[in-house]
Structures are given as structure tokens and as C-alpha cells.
């Protein structure tokens, strides 16, 4: 099970006990916000794309949407999201629980600027009923991110 993979990943940092599991689904931004009793924009959603034959992850704020023009400017390619089957195979987590922790090797992780406006955010932890509260600095550290990017639109400070 994918959450166990994330739990094992966080165990090396002695943080596995910070993972929250819910009796209800947190598979979408709206459901996660309801489960956590927070604003949807504080949910750190992890989006999966195919870039030059490799899967990449972009973690964004819950209210942000990928801006195709910004994405193309940054990555010199059209944004192509992975299918649900591809996500689980290539990333290691199923849709609804995708996160940048405990993922398959060789996947680049990017953090979108839309996350920087919060003291803490809530990414999933490998299942459709889990999350962990992290500061942007902790998200940097534990996601093994490559860099901060500005590839989203429709979010506001």
C-alpha cells in the first residue's frame, strides 16, 4: 500500500507520526480541505506530467491551475498530464494520493510559487485519505525538489 511506502520514507526523518489518516476521503482538494477543516487553497496538490519521456511532479496550491503558456515557457514543451494508470506505474502512487514522498526513482519534483504564501500546506501521503502538514521549507527538504517554478494561474495571495 502506498501510504506504507510514505510512512517508511518519513521514518528516516522520524516524522512518520505526523501523517494524518482520515475516516473520509481526501482524494480531491475539496475533500481534503473538508477532512482537514482548512481552506482548499492550503491543500498542496501534486500533479503528474510527462516531459521528454520522463514523469515529473509539480506540487501546487489547491486553488492554482496550470498555465499552459507558463509551463511551455519553463519546460519548452506542451503540458501533458499522465493518465491514472500511468501515474500509479510511473510515480508509485495512485491518483487521489499522489505526493512527492516515497516516489519511484528518477522523478523530478517541482514546487510552484503558489505554495510560498502559506506558513503550512497539506500534501497527501500516498493514499486517498491521508495528509501531512508541512511548511514550504519542510516541503523543500522532504520532497527532494529540483526547484521552485512559476507555472500556475488563478491563485491569489
N, C-alpha and C. Protein backbone atom coordinates (compact mmCIF):
# COMPACT_ATOMS: atom_id res chain seq x y z
N UNK A 1 0.84 -1.19 0.00
CA UNK A 1 0.00 0.00 0.00
C UNK A 1 0.89 1.25 0.00
N UNK A 2 0.50 2.21 -0.76
CA UNK A 2 1.30 3.40 -0.99
C UNK A 2 1.55 4.23 0.28
N UNK A 3 0.56 4.30 1.17
CA UNK A 3 0.77 5.08 2.40
C UNK A 3 1.87 4.45 3.24
N UNK A 4 2.00 3.14 3.20
CA UNK A 4 3.07 2.48 3.95
C UNK A 4 4.43 2.86 3.37
N UNK A 5 4.49 3.02 2.07
CA UNK A 5 5.72 3.46 1.41
C UNK A 5 6.10 4.86 1.90
N UNK A 6 5.10 5.74 2.02
CA UNK A 6 5.35 7.10 2.51
C UNK A 6 5.72 7.08 3.98
N UNK A 7 5.04 6.24 4.75
CA UNK A 7 5.35 6.13 6.18
C UNK A 7 6.80 5.68 6.37
N UNK A 8 7.23 4.69 5.59
CA UNK A 8 8.62 4.22 5.64
C UNK A 8 9.57 5.34 5.24
N UNK A 9 9.21 6.11 4.21
CA UNK A 9 10.03 7.23 3.76
C UNK A 9 10.22 8.24 4.89
N UNK A 10 9.13 8.62 5.55
CA UNK A 10 9.21 9.62 6.63
C UNK A 10 9.87 9.07 7.89
N UNK A 11 9.89 7.76 8.03
CA UNK A 11 10.50 7.16 9.23
C UNK A 11 11.99 7.54 9.33
N UNK A 12 12.68 7.66 8.21
CA UNK A 12 14.10 8.04 8.24
C UNK A 12 14.31 9.43 8.84
N UNK A 13 13.26 10.25 8.84
CA UNK A 13 13.33 11.60 9.41
C UNK A 13 12.61 11.66 10.76
N UNK A 14 12.15 10.50 11.25
CA UNK A 14 11.40 10.42 12.50
C UNK A 14 10.14 11.29 12.43
N UNK A 15 9.49 11.26 11.27
CA UNK A 15 8.29 12.09 11.05
C UNK A 15 7.05 11.29 10.70
N UNK A 16 7.15 9.98 10.72
CA UNK A 16 6.01 9.15 10.30
C UNK A 16 4.77 9.39 11.15
N UNK A 17 4.95 9.82 12.39
CA UNK A 17 3.80 10.06 13.27
C UNK A 17 3.06 11.36 12.95
N UNK A 18 3.62 12.19 12.07
CA UNK A 18 2.94 13.42 11.66
C UNK A 18 1.92 13.18 10.55
N UNK A 19 1.94 11.99 9.95
CA UNK A 19 0.97 11.67 8.90
C UNK A 19 -0.41 11.54 9.54
N UNK A 20 -1.37 12.20 8.92
CA UNK A 20 -2.76 12.13 9.39
C UNK A 20 -3.55 11.22 8.45
N UNK A 21 -4.34 10.33 9.03
CA UNK A 21 -5.24 9.48 8.24
C UNK A 21 -6.67 9.79 8.65
N UNK A 22 -7.57 9.77 7.66
CA UNK A 22 -8.95 10.17 7.88
C UNK A 22 -9.90 9.01 7.64
N UNK A 23 -11.08 9.09 8.25
CA UNK A 23 -12.14 8.11 8.02
C UNK A 23 -12.90 8.43 6.74
N UNK A 24 -12.62 9.59 6.17
CA UNK A 24 -13.28 10.04 4.94
C UNK A 24 -12.23 10.26 3.85
N UNK A 25 -12.67 10.36 2.63
CA UNK A 25 -11.76 10.56 1.51
C UNK A 25 -11.15 11.97 1.53
N UNK A 26 -9.89 12.04 1.13
CA UNK A 26 -9.21 13.33 0.92
C UNK A 26 -8.61 13.34 -0.49
N UNK A 27 -9.27 12.63 -1.40
CA UNK A 27 -8.74 12.40 -2.75
C UNK A 27 -8.77 13.62 -3.66
N UNK A 28 -9.57 14.63 -3.34
CA UNK A 28 -9.61 15.86 -4.13
C UNK A 28 -9.29 17.02 -3.20
N UNK A 29 -9.01 18.17 -3.78
CA UNK A 29 -8.73 19.36 -2.98
C UNK A 29 -9.89 19.65 -2.04
N UNK A 30 -11.10 19.62 -2.57
CA UNK A 30 -12.28 19.94 -1.76
C UNK A 30 -12.46 18.94 -0.62
N UNK A 31 -12.33 17.65 -0.92
CA UNK A 31 -12.48 16.63 0.12
C UNK A 31 -11.38 16.72 1.17
N UNK A 32 -10.15 16.99 0.73
CA UNK A 32 -9.04 17.12 1.66
C UNK A 32 -9.24 18.32 2.59
N UNK A 33 -9.69 19.44 2.02
CA UNK A 33 -9.93 20.63 2.82
C UNK A 33 -11.01 20.37 3.86
N UNK A 34 -12.04 19.64 3.47
CA UNK A 34 -13.11 19.31 4.41
C UNK A 34 -12.59 18.38 5.51
N UNK A 35 -11.81 17.37 5.14
CA UNK A 35 -11.26 16.43 6.13
C UNK A 35 -10.33 17.14 7.11
N UNK A 36 -9.59 18.13 6.62
CA UNK A 36 -8.61 18.85 7.44
C UNK A 36 -9.18 20.11 8.09
N UNK A 37 -10.39 20.47 7.69
CA UNK A 37 -11.02 21.70 8.18
C UNK A 37 -10.13 22.92 7.91
N UNK A 38 -9.71 23.04 6.66
CA UNK A 38 -8.88 24.19 6.25
C UNK A 38 -9.38 24.72 4.91
N UNK A 39 -8.80 25.82 4.47
CA UNK A 39 -9.16 26.38 3.18
C UNK A 39 -8.59 25.50 2.06
N UNK A 40 -9.36 25.28 0.98
CA UNK A 40 -8.87 24.46 -0.13
C UNK A 40 -7.52 24.92 -0.69
N UNK A 41 -7.26 26.21 -0.67
CA UNK A 41 -6.00 26.69 -1.26
C UNK A 41 -4.77 26.19 -0.49
N UNK A 42 -4.94 25.75 0.75
CA UNK A 42 -3.81 25.24 1.55
C UNK A 42 -3.51 23.77 1.30
N UNK A 43 -4.32 23.12 0.47
CA UNK A 43 -4.04 21.74 0.08
C UNK A 43 -2.95 21.78 -1.00
N UNK A 44 -1.88 21.06 -0.78
CA UNK A 44 -0.77 21.01 -1.76
C UNK A 44 -1.04 19.83 -2.69
N UNK A 45 -1.59 20.15 -3.86
CA UNK A 45 -1.91 19.07 -4.79
C UNK A 45 -0.70 18.77 -5.66
N UNK A 46 -0.49 17.49 -5.92
CA UNK A 46 0.65 17.03 -6.71
C UNK A 46 0.16 16.56 -8.06
N UNK A 47 0.58 17.26 -9.10
CA UNK A 47 0.17 16.96 -10.47
C UNK A 47 1.29 16.24 -11.20
N UNK A 48 0.91 15.27 -12.04
CA UNK A 48 1.88 14.41 -12.73
C UNK A 48 1.86 14.69 -14.23
N UNK A 49 3.04 14.91 -14.79
CA UNK A 49 3.17 15.21 -16.21
C UNK A 49 4.23 14.33 -16.86
N UNK A 50 4.13 14.19 -18.17
CA UNK A 50 5.16 13.54 -18.96
C UNK A 50 5.96 14.64 -19.64
N UNK A 51 7.27 14.63 -19.43
CA UNK A 51 8.15 15.63 -20.01
C UNK A 51 9.35 14.93 -20.60
N UNK A 52 9.50 15.02 -21.91
CA UNK A 52 10.62 14.39 -22.61
C UNK A 52 10.79 12.91 -22.24
N UNK A 53 9.66 12.21 -22.18
CA UNK A 53 9.70 10.78 -21.91
C UNK A 53 9.86 10.39 -20.45
N UNK A 54 9.84 11.37 -19.55
CA UNK A 54 10.00 11.12 -18.11
C UNK A 54 8.83 11.72 -17.35
N UNK A 55 8.40 11.04 -16.30
CA UNK A 55 7.37 11.59 -15.42
C UNK A 55 8.00 12.67 -14.55
N UNK A 56 7.27 13.76 -14.35
CA UNK A 56 7.66 14.81 -13.41
C UNK A 56 6.46 15.12 -12.53
N UNK A 57 6.71 15.68 -11.36
CA UNK A 57 5.66 16.11 -10.47
C UNK A 57 5.78 17.61 -10.23
N UNK A 58 4.63 18.27 -10.20
CA UNK A 58 4.58 19.69 -9.84
C UNK A 58 3.58 19.81 -8.70
N UNK A 59 4.05 20.30 -7.56
CA UNK A 59 3.20 20.49 -6.39
C UNK A 59 2.73 21.95 -6.40
N UNK A 60 1.41 22.14 -6.36
CA UNK A 60 0.83 23.48 -6.42
C UNK A 60 -0.15 23.68 -5.27
N UNK A 61 -0.53 24.93 -5.06
CA UNK A 61 -1.57 25.23 -4.08
C UNK A 61 -2.91 24.73 -4.63
N UNK A 62 -3.83 24.45 -3.72
CA UNK A 62 -5.12 23.90 -4.10
C UNK A 62 -5.96 24.77 -5.01
N UNK A 63 -5.74 26.08 -4.98
CA UNK A 63 -6.53 26.97 -5.83
C UNK A 63 -5.82 27.33 -7.13
N UNK A 64 -4.66 26.78 -7.38
CA UNK A 64 -3.88 27.11 -8.57
C UNK A 64 -4.19 26.14 -9.70
N UNK A 65 -4.11 26.65 -10.93
CA UNK A 65 -4.28 25.82 -12.12
C UNK A 65 -3.04 25.99 -12.99
N UNK A 66 -2.65 24.93 -13.67
CA UNK A 66 -1.50 25.01 -14.57
C UNK A 66 -1.81 26.00 -15.68
N UNK A 67 -0.90 26.91 -15.92
CA UNK A 67 -0.98 27.88 -17.02
C UNK A 67 -0.16 27.28 -18.16
N UNK A 68 -0.82 26.85 -19.23
CA UNK A 68 -0.12 26.17 -20.32
C UNK A 68 1.00 27.00 -20.92
N UNK A 69 0.80 28.31 -21.03
CA UNK A 69 1.84 29.18 -21.58
C UNK A 69 3.06 29.22 -20.66
N UNK A 70 2.85 29.40 -19.36
CA UNK A 70 3.96 29.42 -18.41
C UNK A 70 4.68 28.08 -18.37
N UNK A 71 3.91 26.99 -18.43
CA UNK A 71 4.51 25.65 -18.42
C UNK A 71 5.41 25.49 -19.64
N UNK A 72 4.91 25.88 -20.80
CA UNK A 72 5.69 25.73 -22.03
C UNK A 72 6.93 26.62 -22.00
N UNK A 73 6.80 27.82 -21.45
CA UNK A 73 7.96 28.72 -21.32
C UNK A 73 9.03 28.09 -20.43
N UNK A 74 8.62 27.48 -19.35
CA UNK A 74 9.55 26.89 -18.38
C UNK A 74 10.18 25.61 -18.90
N UNK A 75 9.36 24.70 -19.42
CA UNK A 75 9.84 23.37 -19.77
C UNK A 75 10.06 23.14 -21.27
N UNK A 76 9.78 24.15 -22.09
CA UNK A 76 9.97 24.05 -23.55
C UNK A 76 9.20 22.86 -24.14
N UNK A 77 8.04 22.60 -23.59
CA UNK A 77 7.19 21.51 -24.08
C UNK A 77 5.75 21.78 -23.64
N UNK A 78 4.82 21.20 -24.35
CA UNK A 78 3.41 21.31 -24.00
C UNK A 78 3.12 20.47 -22.76
N UNK A 79 2.27 20.98 -21.87
CA UNK A 79 1.89 20.25 -20.66
C UNK A 79 1.07 19.03 -21.04
N UNK A 80 1.55 17.84 -20.67
CA UNK A 80 0.84 16.59 -20.96
C UNK A 80 0.72 15.82 -19.65
N UNK A 81 -0.48 15.83 -19.09
CA UNK A 81 -0.72 15.12 -17.83
C UNK A 81 -0.72 13.62 -18.07
N UNK A 82 -0.27 12.88 -17.06
CA UNK A 82 -0.28 11.42 -17.13
C UNK A 82 -1.71 10.90 -16.92
N UNK A 83 -2.02 9.76 -17.52
CA UNK A 83 -3.30 9.11 -17.25
C UNK A 83 -3.22 8.49 -15.86
N UNK A 84 -4.37 8.10 -15.32
CA UNK A 84 -4.41 7.49 -13.98
C UNK A 84 -3.54 6.23 -13.92
N UNK A 85 -3.60 5.41 -14.96
CA UNK A 85 -2.77 4.19 -14.98
C UNK A 85 -1.29 4.53 -15.03
N UNK A 86 -0.93 5.52 -15.82
CA UNK A 86 0.48 5.92 -15.92
C UNK A 86 0.99 6.46 -14.59
N UNK A 87 0.16 7.22 -13.90
CA UNK A 87 0.57 7.82 -12.62
C UNK A 87 1.01 6.74 -11.64
N UNK A 88 0.17 5.74 -11.45
CA UNK A 88 0.49 4.70 -10.48
C UNK A 88 1.74 3.93 -10.88
N UNK A 89 1.85 3.62 -12.16
CA UNK A 89 3.00 2.86 -12.65
C UNK A 89 4.29 3.67 -12.59
N UNK A 90 4.25 4.88 -13.10
CA UNK A 90 5.47 5.69 -13.22
C UNK A 90 5.88 6.41 -11.94
N UNK A 91 4.89 6.85 -11.16
CA UNK A 91 5.17 7.63 -9.95
C UNK A 91 5.24 6.74 -8.71
N UNK A 92 4.34 5.76 -8.63
CA UNK A 92 4.33 4.87 -7.47
C UNK A 92 3.17 5.09 -6.53
N UNK A 93 2.33 6.08 -6.81
CA UNK A 93 1.13 6.35 -6.01
C UNK A 93 -0.06 6.46 -6.95
N UNK A 94 -1.23 6.07 -6.47
CA UNK A 94 -2.45 6.17 -7.26
C UNK A 94 -3.03 7.58 -7.18
N UNK A 95 -3.77 7.97 -8.21
CA UNK A 95 -4.47 9.25 -8.23
C UNK A 95 -5.33 9.34 -6.97
N UNK A 96 -5.32 10.50 -6.34
CA UNK A 96 -6.03 10.70 -5.08
C UNK A 96 -5.09 10.68 -3.89
N UNK A 97 -3.91 10.09 -4.08
CA UNK A 97 -2.92 10.04 -3.01
C UNK A 97 -1.54 10.42 -3.48
N UNK A 98 -1.45 10.96 -4.71
CA UNK A 98 -0.15 11.30 -5.28
C UNK A 98 0.50 12.39 -4.44
N UNK A 99 1.77 12.18 -4.14
CA UNK A 99 2.55 13.11 -3.34
C UNK A 99 4.01 12.98 -3.76
N UNK A 100 4.87 13.90 -3.34
CA UNK A 100 6.28 13.84 -3.73
C UNK A 100 7.15 13.00 -2.79
N UNK A 101 6.54 12.19 -1.93
CA UNK A 101 7.29 11.41 -0.94
C UNK A 101 7.21 9.92 -1.26
N UNK A 102 8.33 9.24 -1.14
CA UNK A 102 8.33 7.80 -1.38
C UNK A 102 7.96 7.44 -2.81
N UNK A 103 8.41 8.25 -3.76
CA UNK A 103 8.09 8.03 -5.17
C UNK A 103 9.17 7.19 -5.85
N UNK A 104 8.87 6.75 -7.05
CA UNK A 104 9.84 5.99 -7.82
C UNK A 104 11.07 6.85 -8.11
N UNK A 105 12.20 6.21 -8.29
CA UNK A 105 13.45 6.93 -8.56
C UNK A 105 13.41 7.63 -9.91
N UNK A 106 14.17 8.72 -10.00
CA UNK A 106 14.34 9.42 -11.26
C UNK A 106 13.25 10.42 -11.60
N UNK A 107 12.35 10.69 -10.68
CA UNK A 107 11.27 11.64 -10.94
C UNK A 107 11.65 13.00 -10.38
N UNK A 108 11.65 14.00 -11.24
CA UNK A 108 11.93 15.37 -10.81
C UNK A 108 10.68 15.95 -10.15
N UNK A 109 10.88 16.65 -9.05
CA UNK A 109 9.79 17.29 -8.32
C UNK A 109 10.00 18.80 -8.37
N UNK A 110 8.95 19.51 -8.76
CA UNK A 110 8.98 20.97 -8.81
C UNK A 110 7.91 21.51 -7.87
N UNK A 111 8.22 22.59 -7.18
CA UNK A 111 7.28 23.24 -6.28
C UNK A 111 6.87 24.57 -6.89
N UNK A 112 5.57 24.79 -7.00
CA UNK A 112 5.08 26.03 -7.60
C UNK A 112 5.05 27.17 -6.59
N UNK A 113 5.34 28.36 -7.08
CA UNK A 113 5.38 29.58 -6.27
C UNK A 113 4.07 29.81 -5.50
N UNK A 114 2.96 29.28 -5.99
CA UNK A 114 1.67 29.47 -5.33
C UNK A 114 1.66 28.95 -3.89
N UNK A 115 2.59 28.07 -3.55
CA UNK A 115 2.66 27.50 -2.19
C UNK A 115 3.35 28.42 -1.19
N UNK A 116 4.17 29.33 -1.68
CA UNK A 116 5.00 30.14 -0.78
C UNK A 116 4.23 31.13 0.08
N UNK A 117 2.97 31.36 -0.23
CA UNK A 117 2.19 32.35 0.54
C UNK A 117 1.65 31.80 1.85
N UNK A 118 1.89 30.51 2.12
CA UNK A 118 1.34 29.87 3.32
C UNK A 118 2.44 29.51 4.31
N UNK A 119 2.10 29.55 5.60
CA UNK A 119 3.02 29.08 6.63
C UNK A 119 3.14 27.57 6.58
N UNK A 120 2.01 26.90 6.33
CA UNK A 120 2.00 25.45 6.18
C UNK A 120 0.99 25.06 5.10
N UNK A 121 1.24 23.89 4.49
CA UNK A 121 0.34 23.32 3.49
C UNK A 121 0.16 21.83 3.80
N UNK A 122 -0.79 21.20 3.10
CA UNK A 122 -1.12 19.80 3.37
C UNK A 122 -1.05 18.94 2.12
N UNK A 123 0.10 18.33 1.84
CA UNK A 123 0.15 17.37 0.74
C UNK A 123 -0.37 16.01 1.21
N UNK A 124 -0.80 15.20 0.25
CA UNK A 124 -1.24 13.83 0.53
C UNK A 124 -0.03 12.99 0.96
N UNK A 125 -0.31 11.78 1.40
CA UNK A 125 0.75 10.87 1.84
C UNK A 125 0.60 9.48 1.23
N UNK A 126 0.22 9.43 -0.04
CA UNK A 126 0.20 8.16 -0.75
C UNK A 126 -1.12 7.43 -0.77
N UNK A 127 -2.12 7.93 -0.05
CA UNK A 127 -3.44 7.30 -0.07
C UNK A 127 -4.50 8.38 -0.24
N UNK A 128 -5.72 7.95 -0.53
CA UNK A 128 -6.81 8.90 -0.74
C UNK A 128 -7.49 9.31 0.56
N UNK A 129 -6.83 9.07 1.68
CA UNK A 129 -7.37 9.53 2.97
C UNK A 129 -6.25 9.89 3.95
N UNK A 130 -5.25 10.60 3.41
CA UNK A 130 -4.11 10.97 4.26
C UNK A 130 -3.54 12.33 3.87
N UNK A 131 -2.80 12.91 4.80
CA UNK A 131 -2.11 14.18 4.56
C UNK A 131 -1.07 14.39 5.65
N UNK A 132 -0.19 15.35 5.41
CA UNK A 132 0.78 15.77 6.41
C UNK A 132 0.89 17.29 6.32
N UNK A 133 1.01 17.95 7.45
CA UNK A 133 1.16 19.41 7.46
C UNK A 133 2.64 19.75 7.45
N UNK A 134 3.06 20.52 6.43
CA UNK A 134 4.46 20.90 6.28
C UNK A 134 4.58 22.38 5.93
N UNK A 135 5.65 23.00 6.40
CA UNK A 135 5.97 24.36 5.96
C UNK A 135 6.57 24.25 4.55
N UNK A 136 6.61 25.35 3.81
CA UNK A 136 7.27 25.30 2.50
C UNK A 136 8.73 24.84 2.60
N UNK A 137 9.41 25.21 3.66
CA UNK A 137 10.80 24.78 3.85
C UNK A 137 10.88 23.27 4.08
N UNK A 138 9.95 22.73 4.86
CA UNK A 138 9.91 21.28 5.06
C UNK A 138 9.54 20.57 3.76
N UNK A 139 8.62 21.16 3.00
CA UNK A 139 8.24 20.57 1.72
C UNK A 139 9.46 20.50 0.79
N UNK A 140 10.26 21.55 0.79
CA UNK A 140 11.51 21.54 0.01
C UNK A 140 12.39 20.37 0.44
N UNK A 141 12.60 20.27 1.73
CA UNK A 141 13.51 19.26 2.27
C UNK A 141 13.04 17.84 2.00
N UNK A 142 11.78 17.56 2.28
CA UNK A 142 11.31 16.18 2.23
C UNK A 142 10.84 15.73 0.84
N UNK A 143 10.60 16.69 -0.06
CA UNK A 143 10.17 16.31 -1.42
C UNK A 143 11.37 16.05 -2.33
N UNK A 144 12.55 16.48 -1.90
CA UNK A 144 13.72 16.36 -2.77
C UNK A 144 13.55 17.17 -4.04
N UNK A 145 12.92 18.33 -3.92
CA UNK A 145 12.56 19.14 -5.08
C UNK A 145 13.77 19.58 -5.90
N UNK A 146 13.52 19.82 -7.18
CA UNK A 146 14.56 20.33 -8.07
C UNK A 146 14.66 21.84 -8.01
N UNK A 147 13.48 22.49 -8.06
CA UNK A 147 13.45 23.95 -8.00
C UNK A 147 12.04 24.46 -7.84
N UNK A 148 11.95 25.72 -7.42
CA UNK A 148 10.67 26.43 -7.41
C UNK A 148 10.39 26.90 -8.82
N UNK A 149 9.13 26.79 -9.26
CA UNK A 149 8.73 27.23 -10.59
C UNK A 149 7.49 28.10 -10.48
N UNK A 150 7.22 28.86 -11.53
CA UNK A 150 6.02 29.69 -11.62
C UNK A 150 5.27 29.25 -12.87
N UNK A 151 4.42 28.22 -12.72
CA UNK A 151 3.71 27.66 -13.88
C UNK A 151 2.20 27.62 -13.68
N UNK A 152 1.70 28.39 -12.71
CA UNK A 152 0.26 28.35 -12.42
C UNK A 152 -0.41 29.70 -12.61
N UNK A 153 -1.74 29.64 -12.66
CA UNK A 153 -2.58 30.83 -12.77
C UNK A 153 -3.75 30.69 -11.83
N UNK A 154 -4.51 31.76 -11.71
CA UNK A 154 -5.78 31.80 -10.97
C UNK A 154 -5.66 31.63 -9.47
N UNK A 155 -4.47 31.83 -8.93
CA UNK A 155 -4.34 31.84 -7.48
C UNK A 155 -4.04 33.27 -7.05
N UNK A 156 -4.44 33.57 -5.86
CA UNK A 156 -4.27 34.94 -5.37
C UNK A 156 -3.65 34.90 -3.98
N UNK A 157 -2.95 35.95 -3.64
CA UNK A 157 -2.29 35.99 -2.35
C UNK A 157 -3.24 36.15 -1.20
